[in-house]
Amino acid sequence: MTLRPGLPDCPALLFLIPDGVRMRIAIIGSGAMGSSFGGLLSESGHQVLLVDRWGEHVDAIARDGLRLSGVKGEKVIRIDARTDVPAGF
């Protein structure tokens, strides 16, 4: 079931972002939840930056992409991941 074109099938995200709006979003903490939300937001067209202090995790995301798996299968999403927020983001 697609709830709205251009957004992932996630009802919780519907109230966050109006139709047609593209945002720059930095998610501080790229654990299970931060990565999941970041991946879904990136996949729907937003500029997302994942920030975490765990360098190896950040390096793996930057190098290999973010791997998400769920009831719809597995996918790899290319997303920016760093250990700090760059100036001007």
C-alpha atoms as a PDB file:
ATOM      1  CA  MET A   1       0.000   0.000   0.000  1.00  0.00           C
ATOM      2  CA  THR A   2       1.464   3.357  -1.013  1.00  0.00           C
ATOM      3  CA  LEU A   3       0.158   6.112   1.215  1.00  0.00           C
ATOM      4  CA  ARG A   4       1.435   9.071  -0.816  1.00  0.00           C
ATOM      5  CA  PRO A   5       3.515   9.183  -3.988  1.00  0.00           C
ATOM      6  CA  GLY A   6       7.166  10.002  -3.329  1.00  0.00           C
ATOM      7  CA  LEU A   7       7.141   8.930   0.320  1.00  0.00           C
ATOM      8  CA  PRO A   8       7.971   5.501   1.688  1.00  0.00           C
ATOM      9  CA  ASP A   9       5.198   3.314   3.070  1.00  0.00           C
ATOM     10  CA  CYS A  10       5.595   4.647   6.597  1.00  0.00           C
ATOM     11  CA  PRO A  11       2.505   6.308   8.146  1.00  0.00           C
ATOM     12  CA  ALA A  12       4.601   7.908  10.908  1.00  0.00           C
ATOM     13  CA  LEU A  13       6.410  10.050   8.316  1.00  0.00           C
ATOM     14  CA  LEU A  14       3.226  11.463   6.790  1.00  0.00           C
ATOM     15  CA  PHE A  15       2.721  14.161   9.395  1.00  0.00           C
ATOM     16  CA  LEU A  16       6.348  15.280   9.304  1.00  0.00           C
ATOM     17  CA  ILE A  17       6.804  16.467   5.741  1.00  0.00           C
ATOM     18  CA  PRO A  18       4.209  18.160   3.507  1.00  0.00           C
ATOM     19  CA  ASP A  19       3.845  17.107  -0.136  1.00  0.00           C
ATOM     20  CA  GLY A  20       6.534  18.463  -2.449  1.00  0.00           C
ATOM     21  CA  VAL A  21       8.848  19.708   0.310  1.00  0.00           C
ATOM     22  CA  ARG A  22      12.462  18.521   0.165  1.00  0.00           C
ATOM     23  CA  MET A  23      14.552  19.096   3.277  1.00  0.00           C
ATOM     24  CA  ARG A  24      18.176  18.938   4.432  1.00  0.00           C
ATOM     25  CA  ILE A  25      18.155  16.693   7.507  1.00  0.00           C
ATOM     26  CA  ALA A  26      20.999  15.736   9.850  1.00  0.00           C
ATOM     27  CA  ILE A  27      20.263  12.721  12.031  1.00  0.00           C
ATOM     28  CA  ILE A  28      22.478  12.579  15.093  1.00  0.00           C
ATOM     29  CA  GLY A  29      22.905   8.943  16.042  1.00  0.00           C
ATOM     30  CA  SER A  30      22.927   6.417  13.205  1.00  0.00           C
ATOM     31  CA  GLY A  31      22.000   3.323  15.162  1.00  0.00           C
ATOM     32  CA  ALA A  32      19.034   1.147  14.228  1.00  0.00           C
ATOM     33  CA  MET A  33      16.361   3.847  14.438  1.00  0.00           C
ATOM     34  CA  GLY A  34      18.406   6.789  13.144  1.00  0.00           C
ATOM     35  CA  SER A  35      19.632   4.768  10.174  1.00  0.00           C
ATOM     36  CA  SER A  36      16.143   3.481   9.394  1.00  0.00           C
ATOM     37  CA  PHE A  37      14.551   6.919   9.435  1.00  0.00           C
ATOM     38  CA  GLY A  38      17.507   8.437   7.584  1.00  0.00           C
ATOM     39  CA  GLY A  39      17.383   5.777   4.893  1.00  0.00           C
ATOM     40  CA  LEU A  40      13.645   6.188   4.345  1.00  0.00           C
ATOM     41  CA  LEU A  41      13.905   9.980   4.226  1.00  0.00           C
ATOM     42  CA  SER A  42      16.842   9.818   1.815  1.00  0.00           C
ATOM     43  CA  GLU A  43      15.012   7.335  -0.378  1.00  0.00           C
ATOM     44  CA  SER A  44      12.073   9.737  -0.640  1.00  0.00           C
ATOM     45  CA  GLY A  45      14.278  12.537  -1.970  1.00  0.00           C
ATOM     46  CA  HIS A  46      15.542  14.448   1.053  1.00  0.00           C
ATOM     47  CA  GLN A  47      19.202  15.348   1.597  1.00  0.00           C
ATOM     48  CA  VAL A  48      20.106  13.347   4.697  1.00  0.00           C
ATOM     49  CA  LEU A  49      23.311  13.304   6.703  1.00  0.00           C
ATOM     50  CA  LEU A  50      23.828  10.516   9.253  1.00  0.00           C
ATOM     51  CA  VAL A  51      26.130  11.545  12.104  1.00  0.00           C
ATOM     52  CA  ASP A  52      27.583   9.130  14.625  1.00  0.00           C
ATOM     53  CA  ARG A  53      30.720   8.983  16.761  1.00  0.00           C
ATOM     54  CA  TRP A  54      31.364   5.288  15.932  1.00  0.00           C
ATOM     55  CA  GLY A  55      33.931   5.775  13.156  1.00  0.00           C
ATOM     56  CA  GLU A  56      33.922   2.215  11.795  1.00  0.00           C
ATOM     57  CA  HIS A  57      30.129   2.270  11.405  1.00  0.00           C
ATOM     58  CA  VAL A  58      30.220   5.656   9.644  1.00  0.00           C
ATOM     59  CA  ASP A  59      33.047   4.487   7.358  1.00  0.00           C
ATOM     60  CA  ALA A  60      31.109   1.330   6.414  1.00  0.00           C
ATOM     61  CA  ILE A  61      27.966   3.338   5.540  1.00  0.00           C
ATOM     62  CA  ALA A  62      29.974   5.859   3.521  1.00  0.00           C
ATOM     63  CA  ARG A  63      31.898   3.105   1.706  1.00  0.00           C
ATOM     64  CA  ASP A  64      29.224   0.409   1.194  1.00  0.00           C
ATOM     65  CA  GLY A  65      25.924   2.268   1.559  1.00  0.00           C
ATOM     66  CA  LEU A  66      23.257   1.836   4.215  1.00  0.00           C
ATOM     67  CA  ARG A  67      21.750  -1.656   4.190  1.00  0.00           C
ATOM     68  CA  LEU A  68      18.097  -1.776   5.265  1.00  0.00           C
ATOM     69  CA  SER A  69      16.080  -4.953   5.515  1.00  0.00           C
ATOM     70  CA  GLY A  70      12.458  -5.542   6.412  1.00  0.00           C
ATOM     71  CA  VAL A  71       9.227  -7.113   5.260  1.00  0.00           C
ATOM     72  CA  LYS A  72       9.719  -5.719   1.738  1.00  0.00           C
ATOM     73  CA  GLY A  73      13.177  -7.228   1.421  1.00  0.00           C
ATOM     74  CA  GLU A  74      16.638  -5.789   1.575  1.00  0.00           C
ATOM     75  CA  LYS A  75      18.029  -2.665  -0.093  1.00  0.00           C
ATOM     76  CA  VAL A  76      21.196  -0.608  -0.054  1.00  0.00           C
ATOM     77  CA  ILE A  77      20.829   3.169   0.049  1.00  0.00           C
ATOM     78  CA  ARG A  78      23.670   5.567  -0.763  1.00  0.00           C
ATOM     79  CA  ILE A  79      23.681   8.185   1.989  1.00  0.00           C
ATOM     80  CA  ASP A  80      26.159  10.665   3.447  1.00  0.00           C
ATOM     81  CA  ALA A  81      27.556   9.517   6.817  1.00  0.00           C
ATOM     82  CA  ARG A  82      30.123  11.357   8.937  1.00  0.00           C
ATOM     83  CA  THR A  83      31.456  11.624  12.477  1.00  0.00           C
ATOM     84  CA  ASP A  84      30.606  15.335  12.661  1.00  0.00           C
ATOM     85  CA  VAL A  85      28.272  17.856  11.050  1.00  0.00           C
ATOM     86  CA  PRO A  86      30.120  19.929   8.439  1.00  0.00           C
ATOM     87  CA  ALA A  87      29.986  23.699   8.751  1.00  0.00           C
ATOM     88  CA  GLY A  88      27.053  25.131   6.862  1.00  0.00           C
ATOM     89  CA  PHE A  89      24.931  22.019   6.763  1.00  0.00           C
END
